[in-house]
Structures are given as structure tokens and as C-alpha cells.
Amino acid sequence: MQDGGGNSYVGRFAPSPTGPLHFGSLLAACASYLEAKQRAGRWLLRIEDIDPPREQPGAADRIIRALESFGFEWDGPVHYQSESHEKHLEALAFLEASNLTYHCGCSRKDLAEAPVGPLGTIYPGTCRSGSDASEYAVRVRVDDTVVTFDDRLQGKQAQSMLTESGDFIVHRRDKLIAYHLAVVVDDNLHGVNDIVRGIDLMDSTPRQIWLQRLLGYAIPTYAHIPVAVHPDGDKLSKLTGARELDVEQAPAILINALDALSLDTPSELVDATLPEIWSWAAEAWDIGRLAGRQSIIVPNQQQ
């Protein structure tokens, strides 16, 4: 497969249109955006619209409008993951032709007794020798390789593909491309070489590196920022009641986000415009301040 990497810095923000932008999403957007700005790189916006059953009508447009209201400026057009469907299928065909996948007819009930790891059920290999099921998912084979990577914030990470991950799905039973395959194809397609995102996705990174290796892609560097949580420790998300960002209060909310990212904004920014806030933040940004942190407690007024 072709390598879409390059030497210049390319970062991205890739929200799923399952609901509006909330404060936790804003933190990830800010961190990836400021890292790209400070490194004189490009910052791409990609809407990950490949899971229609989970998508909320109009959410993509609301996310884009919210980002515009907060002063984000991305390079090039907005990318929609669904537009890369043929590229996803090409990558799937390559894996299948290379005998790196197999059909799996197992249902959730079939896997009820399977071991569970940080990513969910660890597939026991039931269908590795073949399946004649009329409805099936496509799984990619793994072995006992331990995938390691040096996260720029969280340090060295390691995951045994066989015992902690297991053969994982790249094409779902409902014939939708699975997230792991789509994300690595799109990052490669657009030359993304540094990924700044929430630590809640860090356990998924070894699976993505596994696919990048199988497809012959360049492997990006990774920095997983602490995830926004409620005071009780639950992740801030739509499922836990995270509110849509109030774009009418964009400057004040942006300052709160920068403070949450350890930037210690000066008091004179309280009356500043969005361009002035971003200009200050681009100069002050230091992703290293987040090193080793796994969570950011979000004040009630931002939830």
C-alpha cells in the first residue's frame, strides 16, 4: 500500500457527528490545534461519519459551526470520512488478499464467555479456521507481538496483541468499515504524522499501529492528552450529560479550556478578542505541561 506520509508537520482533529461539540471535545481540539500552530504545521478537520446508526442528524454542521465560532482555522476543506469509502475498501481488499483476515460469524451471545480486556472482548479465535455463516464480520489476524510506542505525554506503552487485543474487526457484520481501519487509512491518505487526542483512545493505538504496519503506512507520533472528567471521575461525554458549548460565550469558554490545559492565562485576556486569545495561546503553548496527567476535572459550569 502507498505511504501518504511527509516530512512537514500535519495534525488533525477528527470528531464523530454523534452529538454537538462539548467541553471535553474542545480540549482535544485546542491541544491538537495549538500543537500544529506552534510547530508551523498544517491542521486538518475530519468529520468521522462512517457509523450512520450512531450519528445525530445535523451534528456535523453544528460541530463545524461551533469550531468556527471559537476561531479555529483549518487547512484545506473539511474532510468527511465517508468520502474515503473506496480507499477503505481498497485497504480491506489488500488485507484480505494478503491472507491477513478471515470471516467471523460469531454473535455477541457466542462470545459471552470470552475474556474481557481494556478494549472489550478478547476474541478467542473461534472462526480462525473458517466460517460458513451467511452474516459475518471480517477480523484481522494478530499474533503474540507486543506492540510498543512512546507516547509524547504518557511515556512508553506496550500491548500484547494476542492476549490483550485479540483478532479485531475491520469490517462489521452490517457491512460498515470499522473505526480502526478507517482512521488509519484516512490519516495516511491526508499525510497526518502527529496525532494529539484524548487518553481514552490510547488503548486503541496498538491496534492502529498493527494495521499501519500491515498496510505499509508510516506510523505517526502520538500524544494522548488527559481526558476531561466530572468531579466524580466519569468521563465528560454526551452519555454523561455533557452540554453543548454556548458559542455566545466563546471567548470565556476558550480561556477556561486553555486554563484546563495548564496554560495559566493572564487576567488581561478576560476582555480580549478570539484572535488575541489564540495569538497568546500559540506563543504560550507547551504540551509538556500535560505530561503524565490522565484526567482534567471540569468545573460544573463547563459541563
Protein backbone atom coordinates (compact mmCIF):
# COMPACT_ATOMS: atom_id res chain seq x y z
CA MET A 1 0.00 0.00 0.00
CA GLN A 2 1.12 3.55 -0.67
CA ASP A 3 2.63 5.67 2.10
CA GLY A 4 0.91 9.04 2.39
CA GLY A 5 3.31 10.48 4.97
CA GLY A 6 5.51 13.52 4.63
CA ASN A 7 8.19 15.46 6.43
CA SER A 8 6.23 18.59 7.38
CA TYR A 9 4.00 18.55 10.44
CA VAL A 10 0.39 17.57 9.82
CA GLY A 11 -2.07 17.23 12.69
CA ARG A 12 -5.82 16.80 12.79
CA PHE A 13 -9.00 16.94 14.82
CA ALA A 14 -11.47 14.21 13.96
CA PRO A 15 -14.81 14.37 15.81
CA SER A 16 -17.65 11.93 15.24
CA PRO A 17 -21.04 13.53 14.48
CA THR A 18 -22.82 11.69 17.29
CA GLY A 19 -23.72 14.95 19.01
CA PRO A 20 -22.66 18.59 19.38
CA LEU A 21 -19.26 19.81 20.50
CA HIS A 22 -18.84 19.81 24.29
CA PHE A 23 -16.07 20.99 26.61
CA GLY A 24 -14.15 17.71 26.54
CA SER A 25 -14.09 17.79 22.73
CA LEU A 26 -12.95 21.42 22.86
CA LEU A 27 -9.91 20.46 24.94
CA ALA A 28 -8.83 17.90 22.32
CA ALA A 29 -9.42 20.40 19.52
CA CYS A 30 -7.41 23.11 21.30
CA ALA A 31 -4.48 20.82 22.09
CA SER A 32 -4.17 19.47 18.55
CA TYR A 33 -4.67 22.92 17.03
CA LEU A 34 -2.08 24.66 19.19
CA GLU A 35 0.46 21.89 18.66
CA ALA A 36 0.12 22.34 14.90
CA LYS A 37 0.33 26.13 15.17
CA GLN A 38 3.41 26.08 17.39
CA ARG A 39 5.17 23.67 15.06
CA ALA A 40 4.28 25.73 11.97
CA GLY A 41 2.34 22.79 10.58
CA ARG A 42 -0.98 22.08 8.99
CA TRP A 43 -4.13 21.27 10.98
CA LEU A 44 -6.89 19.31 9.32
CA LEU A 45 -10.54 18.86 10.27
CA ARG A 46 -12.11 15.48 9.56
CA ILE A 47 -15.67 14.51 10.36
CA GLU A 48 -15.74 10.77 11.09
CA ASP A 49 -19.14 10.00 9.59
CA ILE A 50 -18.85 6.28 8.92
CA ASP A 51 -21.29 4.99 11.54
CA PRO A 52 -24.75 6.23 10.49
CA PRO A 53 -26.66 4.31 13.21
CA ARG A 54 -24.85 6.36 15.89
CA GLU A 55 -24.88 9.72 14.12
CA GLN A 56 -27.17 12.58 15.10
CA PRO A 57 -28.82 14.46 12.23
CA GLY A 58 -27.23 17.87 11.79
CA ALA A 59 -24.42 17.18 14.27
CA ALA A 60 -21.64 17.55 11.69
CA ASP A 61 -22.79 21.03 10.70
CA ARG A 62 -23.20 22.03 14.34
CA ILE A 63 -19.66 20.88 15.14
CA ILE A 64 -18.23 22.82 12.21
CA ARG A 65 -20.17 25.98 13.11
CA ALA A 66 -19.06 25.70 16.73
CA LEU A 67 -15.41 25.38 15.74
CA GLU A 68 -15.77 28.43 13.50
CA SER A 69 -17.38 30.35 16.36
CA PHE A 70 -14.39 29.56 18.57
CA GLY A 71 -11.98 30.87 15.95
CA PHE A 72 -10.45 27.61 14.73
CA GLU A 73 -8.96 27.79 11.24
CA TRP A 74 -8.21 24.53 9.48
CA ASP A 75 -6.09 23.97 6.41
CA GLY A 76 -7.92 22.89 3.28
CA PRO A 77 -11.53 21.72 3.09
CA VAL A 78 -13.36 19.82 5.78
CA HIS A 79 -12.76 16.12 5.16
CA TYR A 80 -15.60 13.66 5.62
CA GLN A 81 -14.53 10.11 6.35
CA SER A 82 -17.38 8.73 4.25
CA GLU A 83 -15.76 10.30 1.18
CA SER A 84 -12.83 7.89 1.60
CA HIS A 85 -15.02 4.79 1.44
CA GLU A 86 -13.36 3.42 -1.70
CA LYS A 87 -9.93 3.83 -0.09
CA HIS A 88 -11.19 1.95 2.97
CA LEU A 89 -12.38 -0.88 0.73
CA GLU A 90 -9.05 -0.94 -1.10
CA ALA A 91 -7.21 -1.36 2.19
CA LEU A 92 -9.63 -4.08 3.24
CA ALA A 93 -9.12 -5.89 -0.08
CA PHE A 94 -5.35 -5.67 0.38
CA LEU A 95 -5.58 -7.26 3.83
CA GLU A 96 -7.88 -9.99 2.54
CA ALA A 97 -5.71 -10.72 -0.50
CA SER A 98 -2.69 -10.99 1.82
CA ASN A 99 -4.48 -13.63 3.92
CA LEU A 100 -4.38 -11.33 6.94
CA THR A 101 -8.11 -11.53 7.64
CA TYR A 102 -10.91 -14.05 7.98
CA HIS A 103 -14.70 -14.13 8.18
CA CYS A 104 -16.21 -14.34 11.65
CA GLY A 105 -19.82 -15.40 12.19
CA CYS A 106 -19.76 -15.14 15.99
CA SER A 107 -22.57 -13.22 17.68
CA ARG A 108 -22.34 -11.38 20.98
CA LYS A 109 -24.04 -14.35 22.60
CA ASP A 110 -21.36 -16.66 21.19
CA LEU A 111 -18.70 -14.52 22.86
CA ALA A 112 -20.43 -14.11 26.20
CA GLU A 113 -17.83 -16.30 27.95
CA ALA A 114 -14.78 -14.82 26.19
CA PRO A 115 -12.20 -12.94 28.28
CA VAL A 116 -12.51 -9.17 28.51
CA GLY A 117 -9.66 -6.66 28.28
CA PRO A 118 -9.33 -2.85 28.18
CA LEU A 119 -10.78 -2.77 24.67
CA GLY A 120 -13.63 -5.13 25.43
CA THR A 121 -13.98 -8.77 24.45
CA ILE A 122 -10.71 -10.50 23.55
CA TYR A 123 -11.66 -12.68 20.61
CA PRO A 124 -10.74 -16.33 21.29
CA GLY A 125 -10.14 -17.20 17.63
CA THR A 126 -13.26 -19.31 17.17
CA CYS A 127 -13.56 -18.70 13.41
CA ARG A 128 -9.86 -18.59 12.53
CA SER A 129 -10.12 -21.84 10.62
CA GLY A 130 -13.16 -20.64 8.67
CA SER A 131 -16.83 -19.82 8.96
CA ASP A 132 -19.75 -20.60 6.68
CA ALA A 133 -22.07 -18.05 8.30
CA SER A 134 -24.12 -16.02 5.84
CA GLU A 135 -23.69 -12.92 8.00
CA TYR A 136 -20.19 -12.21 9.17
CA ALA A 137 -17.67 -9.62 10.22
CA VAL A 138 -14.11 -9.53 8.92
CA ARG A 139 -11.36 -9.82 11.52
CA VAL A 140 -7.68 -9.11 11.09
CA ARG A 141 -5.28 -11.71 12.44
CA VAL A 142 -2.85 -10.84 15.24
CA ASP A 143 -0.04 -12.82 16.83
CA ASP A 144 1.90 -12.68 20.09
CA THR A 145 3.73 -9.48 19.07
CA VAL A 146 3.90 -6.84 21.78
CA VAL A 147 3.23 -3.51 20.09
CA THR A 148 5.08 -0.66 21.78
CA PHE A 149 5.12 3.07 21.17
CA ASP A 150 6.47 6.09 23.00
CA ASP A 151 3.64 8.45 23.76
CA ARG A 152 4.91 12.01 23.99
CA LEU A 153 2.88 12.63 27.14
CA GLN A 154 2.23 9.26 28.73
CA GLY A 155 5.58 7.54 28.11
CA LYS A 156 6.26 4.07 26.77
CA GLN A 157 3.17 1.96 26.11
CA ALA A 158 3.00 -1.76 25.36
CA GLN A 159 0.16 -4.10 24.44
CA SER A 160 0.25 -7.80 23.63
CA MET A 161 -1.85 -8.18 20.52
CA LEU A 162 -2.79 -11.78 21.17
CA THR A 163 -3.59 -11.69 24.89
CA GLU A 164 -4.77 -8.08 25.35
CA SER A 165 -6.36 -7.34 21.99
CA GLY A 166 -7.13 -10.48 20.06
CA ASP A 167 -8.11 -10.62 16.38
CA PHE A 168 -10.18 -7.50 15.86
CA ILE A 169 -12.89 -6.41 13.45
CA VAL A 170 -12.06 -4.29 10.40
CA HIS A 171 -15.38 -4.78 8.56
CA ARG A 172 -18.57 -5.09 10.57
CA ARG A 173 -21.47 -7.51 10.19
CA ASP A 174 -23.61 -4.59 8.99
CA LYS A 175 -21.04 -4.06 6.19
CA LEU A 176 -19.70 -0.82 7.65
CA ILE A 177 -15.95 -0.23 7.81
CA ALA A 178 -14.73 -0.43 11.39
CA TYR A 179 -13.21 2.61 13.07
CA HIS A 180 -9.66 1.27 13.39
CA LEU A 181 -9.28 0.61 9.68
CA ALA A 182 -10.94 3.84 8.58
CA VAL A 183 -8.86 6.05 10.84
CA VAL A 184 -5.50 4.66 9.75
CA VAL A 185 -6.45 4.83 6.06
CA ASP A 186 -7.59 8.45 6.36
CA ASP A 187 -4.61 9.58 8.43
CA ASN A 188 -2.30 8.06 5.84
CA LEU A 189 -4.32 9.48 2.93
CA HIS A 190 -4.00 13.02 4.30
CA GLY A 191 -0.39 12.72 5.46
CA VAL A 192 -1.16 13.05 9.17
CA ASN A 193 2.08 12.38 11.01
CA ASP A 194 1.34 13.54 14.57
CA ILE A 195 -1.83 12.72 16.48
CA VAL A 196 -2.90 14.65 19.56
CA ARG A 197 -6.06 13.20 21.10
CA GLY A 198 -7.62 12.09 24.38
CA ILE A 199 -6.08 9.42 26.56
CA ASP A 200 -9.34 7.46 26.35
CA LEU A 201 -8.19 6.42 22.86
CA MET A 202 -4.69 5.34 23.90
CA ASP A 203 -5.61 1.66 24.35
CA SER A 204 -6.78 1.68 20.71
CA THR A 205 -3.42 2.90 19.39
CA PRO A 206 -1.67 -0.51 19.28
CA ARG A 207 -4.42 -1.87 17.03
CA GLN A 208 -3.99 1.09 14.73
CA ILE A 209 -0.22 0.68 14.69
CA TRP A 210 -0.75 -3.01 13.87
CA LEU A 211 -2.82 -2.04 10.82
CA GLN A 212 -0.35 0.67 9.81
CA ARG A 213 2.40 -1.95 9.74
CA LEU A 214 0.32 -4.46 7.77
CA LEU A 215 -0.61 -1.79 5.20
CA GLY A 216 2.92 -0.43 4.92
CA TYR A 217 1.98 3.02 6.23
CA ALA A 218 4.23 5.42 8.08
CA ILE A 219 3.44 5.39 11.81
CA PRO A 220 2.57 8.80 13.25
CA THR A 221 3.81 10.03 16.59
CA TYR A 222 1.21 10.17 19.34
CA ALA A 223 0.41 12.41 22.28
CA HIS A 224 -2.60 11.44 24.38
CA ILE A 225 -3.84 14.33 26.48
CA PRO A 226 -5.69 13.85 29.79
CA VAL A 227 -9.40 13.27 29.39
CA ALA A 228 -11.98 15.70 30.77
CA VAL A 229 -13.91 14.19 33.68
CA HIS A 230 -16.74 15.12 36.01
CA PRO A 231 -15.80 15.65 39.68
CA ASP A 232 -16.96 12.07 40.33
CA GLY A 233 -14.40 10.78 37.82
CA ASP A 234 -16.75 9.88 34.98
CA LYS A 235 -15.58 10.91 31.52
CA LEU A 236 -17.24 14.06 30.23
CA SER A 237 -19.32 12.88 27.29
CA LYS A 238 -22.76 13.02 25.77
CA LEU A 239 -23.62 9.85 27.69
CA THR A 240 -22.77 11.53 31.00
CA GLY A 241 -24.71 14.69 30.26
CA ALA A 242 -22.06 16.95 28.73
CA ARG A 243 -23.71 20.13 27.47
CA GLU A 244 -23.34 21.65 24.04
CA LEU A 245 -20.90 24.57 24.03
CA ASP A 246 -22.51 28.01 24.19
CA VAL A 247 -20.91 29.76 21.23
CA GLU A 248 -22.19 33.11 22.52
CA GLN A 249 -19.68 32.71 25.36
CA ALA A 250 -16.84 31.52 23.14
CA PRO A 251 -14.03 33.80 24.44
CA ALA A 252 -14.71 32.98 28.10
CA ILE A 253 -15.09 29.24 27.41
CA LEU A 254 -11.91 29.22 25.33
CA ILE A 255 -9.99 30.81 28.20
CA ASN A 256 -11.37 28.15 30.56
CA ALA A 257 -10.23 25.46 28.12
CA LEU A 258 -6.73 26.92 27.92
CA ASP A 259 -6.54 27.05 31.72
CA ALA A 260 -7.66 23.41 31.86
CA LEU A 261 -4.76 22.63 29.51
CA SER A 262 -2.34 24.20 32.03
CA LEU A 263 -1.70 27.44 30.15
CA ASP A 264 -2.39 29.83 33.08
CA THR A 265 -4.00 32.58 31.04
CA PRO A 266 -3.29 36.15 32.24
CA SER A 267 -6.13 38.26 33.61
CA GLU A 268 -5.87 40.77 30.76
CA LEU A 269 -7.24 38.13 28.36
CA VAL A 270 -10.67 38.36 30.01
CA ASP A 271 -11.66 41.20 27.67
CA ALA A 272 -9.62 40.00 24.68
CA THR A 273 -10.98 39.01 21.28
CA LEU A 274 -10.74 35.46 19.98
CA PRO A 275 -7.81 36.30 17.64
CA GLU A 276 -5.97 37.89 20.58
CA ILE A 277 -6.60 34.84 22.77
CA TRP A 278 -5.36 32.47 20.07
CA SER A 279 -2.30 34.61 19.39
CA TRP A 280 -1.34 34.50 23.07
CA ALA A 281 -2.06 30.77 23.32
CA ALA A 282 0.06 29.88 20.29
CA GLU A 283 3.05 31.59 21.92
CA ALA A 284 2.43 30.13 25.37
CA TRP A 285 1.53 26.58 24.36
CA ASP A 286 3.62 23.86 25.97
CA ILE A 287 2.20 20.39 25.56
CA GLY A 288 4.80 19.11 28.02
CA ARG A 289 2.81 20.64 30.86
CA LEU A 290 0.31 17.84 30.40
CA ALA A 291 2.92 15.06 30.67
CA GLY A 292 1.83 12.20 32.87
CA ARG A 293 -1.62 13.63 33.57
CA GLN A 294 -4.53 11.29 32.87
CA SER A 295 -7.55 13.44 33.69
CA ILE A 296 -8.73 17.02 33.94
CA ILE A 297 -11.57 17.71 36.36
CA VAL A 298 -14.00 20.05 34.65
CA PRO A 299 -15.86 22.65 36.75
CA ASN A 300 -19.62 22.17 36.92
CA GLN A 301 -20.29 25.34 34.93
CA GLN A 302 -18.42 23.88 31.93
CA GLN A 303 -20.18 20.53 31.91
